[in-house]
Protein backbone atom coordinates (compact mmCIF):
# COMPACT_ATOMS: atom_id res chain seq x y z
CA MET A 1 19.62 12.84 56.06
CA GLY A 2 20.60 15.06 53.14
CA SER A 3 20.24 12.26 50.57
CA GLY A 4 16.87 11.27 52.03
CA LEU A 5 15.54 14.79 51.67
CA ALA A 6 16.80 14.93 48.09
CA ALA A 7 15.13 11.61 47.30
CA GLY A 8 11.76 12.77 48.62
CA SER A 9 11.83 16.25 47.17
CA VAL A 10 10.40 17.60 43.94
CA ARG A 11 12.77 18.94 41.28
CA ALA A 12 11.64 21.41 38.62
CA ARG A 13 13.64 22.76 35.70
CA TYR A 14 13.14 26.33 34.51
CA LEU A 15 14.21 28.41 31.53
CA VAL A 16 14.90 32.01 32.56
CA TYR A 17 15.58 35.05 30.43
CA PHE A 18 17.71 37.79 31.96
CA GLN A 19 19.44 40.98 30.90
CA TYR A 20 22.43 42.90 32.17
CA LEU A 21 24.78 45.80 31.63
CA GLY A 22 28.12 44.04 31.42
CA THR A 23 30.38 46.98 32.32
CA ASP A 24 31.11 45.74 35.85
CA PHE A 25 31.48 42.05 35.03
CA ASN A 26 34.21 39.74 33.81
CA GLY A 27 31.64 38.19 31.46
CA VAL A 28 28.44 36.23 31.94
CA ALA A 29 30.13 33.01 33.13
CA ALA A 30 30.80 32.54 36.83
CA VAL A 31 34.31 33.23 38.09
CA ARG A 32 35.30 30.53 40.58
CA GLY A 33 37.98 30.72 43.23
CA ALA A 34 39.39 33.65 45.16
CA GLN A 35 39.64 36.04 42.21
CA ARG A 36 38.23 39.53 42.59
CA ALA A 37 36.54 39.40 39.19
CA THR A 38 32.92 38.26 39.07
CA GLY A 39 30.55 37.11 36.36
CA VAL A 40 26.82 37.66 35.99
CA GLN A 41 26.32 33.98 36.82
CA ASN A 42 27.88 34.53 40.26
CA TYR A 43 25.15 36.99 41.17
CA LEU A 44 22.37 34.85 39.69
CA GLU A 45 23.44 31.80 41.66
CA GLU A 46 23.84 33.88 44.81
CA ALA A 47 20.27 35.15 44.33
CA ALA A 48 19.08 31.55 43.83
CA GLU A 49 20.28 30.70 47.34
CA GLY A 50 17.19 32.54 48.54
CA LEU A 51 15.04 29.83 46.92
CA LYS A 52 16.16 27.38 49.66
CA SER A 53 16.64 24.55 47.17
CA VAL A 54 17.64 21.17 48.65
CA LEU A 55 20.58 21.08 46.24
CA PRO A 56 22.57 24.19 45.20
CA VAL A 57 21.14 25.89 42.11
CA LYS A 58 23.47 26.12 39.10
CA PHE A 59 22.72 28.19 36.02
CA THR A 60 23.54 26.71 32.59
CA ILE A 61 23.98 29.74 30.32
CA SER A 62 22.76 29.68 26.72
CA SER A 63 25.06 32.31 25.17
CA ARG A 64 28.49 33.38 26.35
CA THR A 65 29.40 37.05 26.56
CA ASP A 66 32.80 38.47 27.45
CA ALA A 67 33.96 41.18 29.85
CA GLY A 68 32.14 44.49 29.49
CA VAL A 69 29.53 43.17 27.04
CA HIS A 70 25.81 43.67 27.61
CA ALA A 71 22.81 41.43 26.96
CA LEU A 72 19.32 42.56 26.09
CA SER A 73 18.09 39.02 26.74
CA ASN A 74 20.31 36.06 27.54
CA ALA A 75 18.91 32.73 28.77
CA ALA A 76 19.77 29.88 31.12
CA HIS A 77 18.22 26.80 32.63
CA LEU A 78 18.29 25.86 36.29
CA ASP A 79 16.92 23.14 38.58
CA VAL A 80 15.18 23.96 41.85
CA GLN A 81 14.64 21.04 44.20
CA ARG A 82 12.14 21.83 46.96
CA ARG A 83 11.62 19.79 50.09
CA SER A 84 9.16 16.92 50.20
CA GLY A 85 5.56 18.17 50.30
CA GLN A 86 6.38 21.54 48.75
CA LEU A 87 5.03 22.31 45.29
CA PRO A 88 7.38 23.69 42.61
CA PHE A 89 7.56 27.45 42.34
CA SER A 90 5.39 29.01 39.66
CA PRO A 91 7.41 30.82 36.97
CA GLU A 92 6.07 34.14 38.21
CA VAL A 93 7.12 33.49 41.81
CA LEU A 94 10.55 32.28 40.68
CA THR A 95 11.10 35.45 38.64
CA GLN A 96 10.06 37.69 41.50
CA ALA A 97 12.16 35.79 44.04
CA LEU A 98 15.33 35.95 41.93
CA ASN A 99 14.91 39.68 41.33
CA THR A 100 14.27 40.25 45.04
CA HIS A 101 17.52 38.52 46.03
CA LEU A 102 19.70 39.93 43.22
CA ARG A 103 22.34 42.21 44.77
CA HIS A 104 23.55 43.92 41.60
CA PRO A 105 21.36 46.64 40.02
CA ALA A 106 22.71 45.95 36.51
CA ILE A 107 21.07 42.49 36.33
CA ARG A 108 17.36 41.77 35.88
CA VAL A 109 15.47 38.49 35.40
CA LEU A 110 12.87 39.07 32.68
CA LYS A 111 10.75 35.93 32.66
CA ALA A 112 10.76 32.25 33.56
CA PHE A 113 9.16 29.12 32.09
CA ARG A 114 8.82 25.54 33.30
CA VAL A 115 10.60 23.18 30.89
CA PRO A 116 11.09 19.40 30.67
CA SER A 117 13.88 17.86 32.72
CA ASP A 118 15.96 17.14 29.59
CA PHE A 119 15.78 20.72 28.27
CA HIS A 120 19.21 22.34 27.80
CA ALA A 121 19.53 26.11 27.38
CA ARG A 122 22.69 25.93 25.27
CA HIS A 123 22.02 22.85 23.14
CA SER A 124 18.31 23.59 22.57
CA ALA A 125 18.81 27.13 21.25
CA THR A 126 17.90 27.40 17.56
CA SER A 127 19.08 30.97 16.96
CA ARG A 128 21.35 33.61 18.48
CA THR A 129 21.54 37.23 17.40
CA TYR A 130 24.33 39.70 18.19
CA LEU A 131 23.98 43.46 17.81
CA TYR A 132 26.93 45.86 17.58
CA ARG A 133 26.53 49.63 17.87
CA LEU A 134 29.06 51.99 16.29
CA ALA A 135 29.22 55.77 16.34
CA THR A 136 30.94 57.88 13.69
CA GLY A 137 31.85 61.55 13.88
CA CYS A 138 33.56 61.30 17.24
CA PRO A 139 37.28 62.22 16.85
CA GLN A 140 37.87 62.03 20.61
CA TYR A 141 36.34 59.50 22.99
CA GLU A 142 35.57 62.35 25.40
CA GLN A 143 33.20 63.80 22.80
CA LEU A 144 30.87 60.82 23.12
CA PRO A 145 27.90 61.58 25.38
CA VAL A 146 28.39 60.03 28.80
CA PHE A 147 25.10 58.14 28.44
CA GLU A 148 26.44 56.31 25.37
CA ARG A 149 29.85 55.37 26.77
CA ASN A 150 30.17 51.63 27.33
CA ARG A 151 27.15 51.15 25.04
CA CYS A 152 28.72 51.75 21.64
CA TRP A 153 32.15 51.98 20.02
CA ALA A 154 33.18 55.46 18.90
CA LEU A 155 35.04 55.62 15.58
CA ARG A 156 37.14 58.58 14.52
CA ALA A 157 35.86 58.27 10.96
CA ASP A 158 33.32 60.81 9.75
CA CYS A 159 31.35 58.07 8.03
CA LEU A 160 31.49 54.42 6.94
CA ASP A 161 31.68 52.85 3.52
CA VAL A 162 28.36 51.10 4.06
CA ALA A 163 28.19 49.64 0.55
CA ALA A 164 31.55 47.92 1.01
CA MET A 165 30.53 46.69 4.44
CA GLN A 166 27.26 45.26 3.13
CA GLU A 167 29.08 43.54 0.27
CA ALA A 168 31.62 42.02 2.67
CA ALA A 169 28.85 40.88 5.00
CA HIS A 170 27.03 39.24 2.10
CA HIS A 171 30.04 36.98 1.45
CA LEU A 172 29.84 35.68 5.01
CA LEU A 173 26.26 34.44 4.66
CA GLY A 174 25.67 30.71 4.40
CA THR A 175 27.64 27.70 5.60
CA HIS A 176 31.42 28.13 5.79
CA ASP A 177 34.47 27.04 7.73
CA PHE A 178 34.96 30.01 10.07
CA SER A 179 38.17 28.71 11.66
CA ALA A 180 40.01 31.88 10.55
CA PHE A 181 37.55 33.98 12.55
CA GLN A 182 37.68 32.21 15.89
CA SER A 183 39.98 32.98 18.81
CA ALA A 184 42.50 30.54 20.22
CA GLY A 185 41.14 28.18 22.84
CA SER A 186 37.84 27.38 21.14
CA PRO A 187 36.43 24.11 22.52
CA SER A 188 34.32 23.41 19.41
CA ALA A 189 35.07 20.19 17.54
CA SER A 190 33.97 21.70 14.22
CA SER A 191 34.56 25.22 12.90
CA VAL A 192 31.77 24.98 10.30
CA ARG A 193 28.88 27.35 11.02
CA THR A 194 25.93 28.79 9.11
CA LEU A 195 25.49 32.55 9.24
CA ARG A 196 21.84 33.32 8.51
CA ARG A 197 21.89 37.08 8.65
CA ALA A 198 24.56 39.77 8.53
CA SER A 199 23.21 43.30 8.23
CA VAL A 200 24.70 46.79 8.33
CA SER A 201 22.29 49.69 8.72
CA PRO A 202 21.97 53.17 10.22
CA GLY A 203 20.94 52.91 13.84
CA PRO A 204 18.22 54.97 15.49
CA ALA A 205 19.19 58.36 16.82
CA SER A 206 20.12 58.29 20.47
CA PRO A 207 17.72 60.12 22.82
CA PHE A 208 20.73 60.94 25.00
CA VAL A 209 22.45 63.19 22.46
CA LEU A 210 22.02 66.96 22.52
CA PRO A 211 20.49 68.45 19.34
CA GLN A 212 23.67 70.33 18.45
CA GLU A 213 25.65 67.06 18.71
CA SER A 214 23.18 64.92 16.79
CA ARG A 215 24.22 66.61 13.55
CA ARG A 216 27.76 65.34 14.08
CA LEU A 217 27.18 61.86 15.48
CA GLN A 218 25.75 58.97 13.47
CA PHE A 219 24.97 55.60 15.05
CA TRP A 220 25.18 52.31 13.15
CA SER A 221 23.90 48.80 13.85
CA LEU A 222 25.59 45.55 12.82
CA GLU A 223 23.56 42.38 13.40
CA PHE A 224 24.65 38.76 13.03
CA GLU A 225 22.36 35.75 13.42
CA SER A 226 23.28 32.07 13.55
CA GLN A 227 22.27 28.97 15.50
CA SER A 228 25.68 29.08 17.15
CA PHE A 229 29.01 30.88 16.90
CA LEU A 230 32.58 29.81 17.45
CA TYR A 231 34.55 31.24 20.35
CA ARG A 232 34.56 35.00 19.71
CA GLN A 233 33.62 34.36 16.07
CA GLU A 234 31.13 37.23 16.08
CA LEU A 235 33.94 39.59 17.12
CA GLY A 236 36.00 38.60 14.10
CA VAL A 237 33.40 38.98 11.35
CA GLN A 238 32.89 42.73 11.54
CA PRO A 239 33.96 44.27 8.22
CA VAL A 240 34.30 48.00 8.97
CA PRO A 241 36.11 49.94 6.24
CA SER A 242 35.93 53.69 6.73
CA ARG A 243 36.40 56.76 4.56
CA LYS A 244 36.95 60.47 5.24
CA THR A 245 39.25 59.59 8.09
CA SER A 246 41.26 62.81 8.16
CA GLY A 247 44.33 61.17 6.69
CA GLN A 248 44.10 57.93 8.67
CA ARG A 249 44.23 54.65 6.83
CA PRO A 250 41.05 52.54 6.81
CA MET A 251 40.63 50.52 9.97
CA ALA A 252 41.60 46.89 9.55
CA GLN A 253 39.24 44.10 10.50
CA ARG A 254 41.44 42.88 13.34
CA GLN A 255 41.68 46.36 14.82
CA VAL A 256 37.91 46.60 14.91
CA ALA A 257 37.52 43.10 16.33
CA TRP A 258 39.88 43.80 19.19
CA GLY A 259 38.98 47.38 19.92
CA GLU A 260 38.00 48.70 23.32
CA VAL A 261 35.21 46.75 24.94
CA PRO A 262 32.33 46.89 25.18
CA VAL A 263 31.72 47.08 21.46
CA SER A 264 28.16 45.90 21.59
CA LEU A 265 24.86 45.18 23.17
CA ARG A 266 24.57 41.44 22.74
CA PRO A 267 22.95 38.98 22.48
CA ILE A 268 19.50 40.27 21.59
CA SER A 269 17.98 36.92 22.53
CA PRO A 270 18.51 33.21 21.92
CA LYS A 271 15.47 31.43 20.50
CA PHE A 272 14.16 27.95 21.26
CA PRO A 273 11.81 25.51 19.48
CA LYS A 274 8.12 26.07 20.14
CA GLY A 275 6.44 23.63 22.48
CA GLN A 276 9.46 23.05 24.70
CA THR A 277 8.10 25.10 27.59
CA VAL A 278 5.46 23.53 29.78
CA GLY A 279 4.21 26.54 31.69
CA PRO A 280 3.54 30.23 31.29
């Protein structure tokens, strides 16, 4: 009976954009088995059970994020197979239904689109952008406003050598073998990637900082854009030399790359070729 229903039902593929605060999660990918840890994907697929699809709904995530890392706008594709005689959900209804059934307040589905059946959220992405937020002028972690904890990385340095950072970032632009920057366990067959943008700039002032503290704290933004990254490559390309460190030596690249998580709000959003969506 189950195979007959599947044969007579209508399957629709969707591209969905979603965002999350990653503090409570083991990463975006689903954690299978009896482990206590959970990923954002676990909650998304649990919410999709409310769609009553003939076959279980699985999310194929566009961009991987690790434990404690946030996403302003990640993406995934999913197939919903309704019973025979039922029309596919409109993108608006799908978005509303997923948000209604989501059980975690730190996850939100932003928008959905109908896409062709051969669309793939990971392989079709043409660009990915990662944003890192740093804060200087914070000798003790406890001095960071509670609203900014888990949303930026506090450095003990009074300031950064921005010119040196920008020069180092410039050398990373273009097509290179980034094998020295990836973590062990990368599944990629090739370590050659093209970094399109690497910028270091003062970040906007935080609205959650008291006026008397804003004179001490300075926020910085590091952005990296590429079609794809190696496993944890974006963590390894942050050149962050510091000065005026009260006698401390400049922070090494590896120390910055493996500092306390979350270091960033990432990804900003993967992009896809125009014309691949077939609905609003």
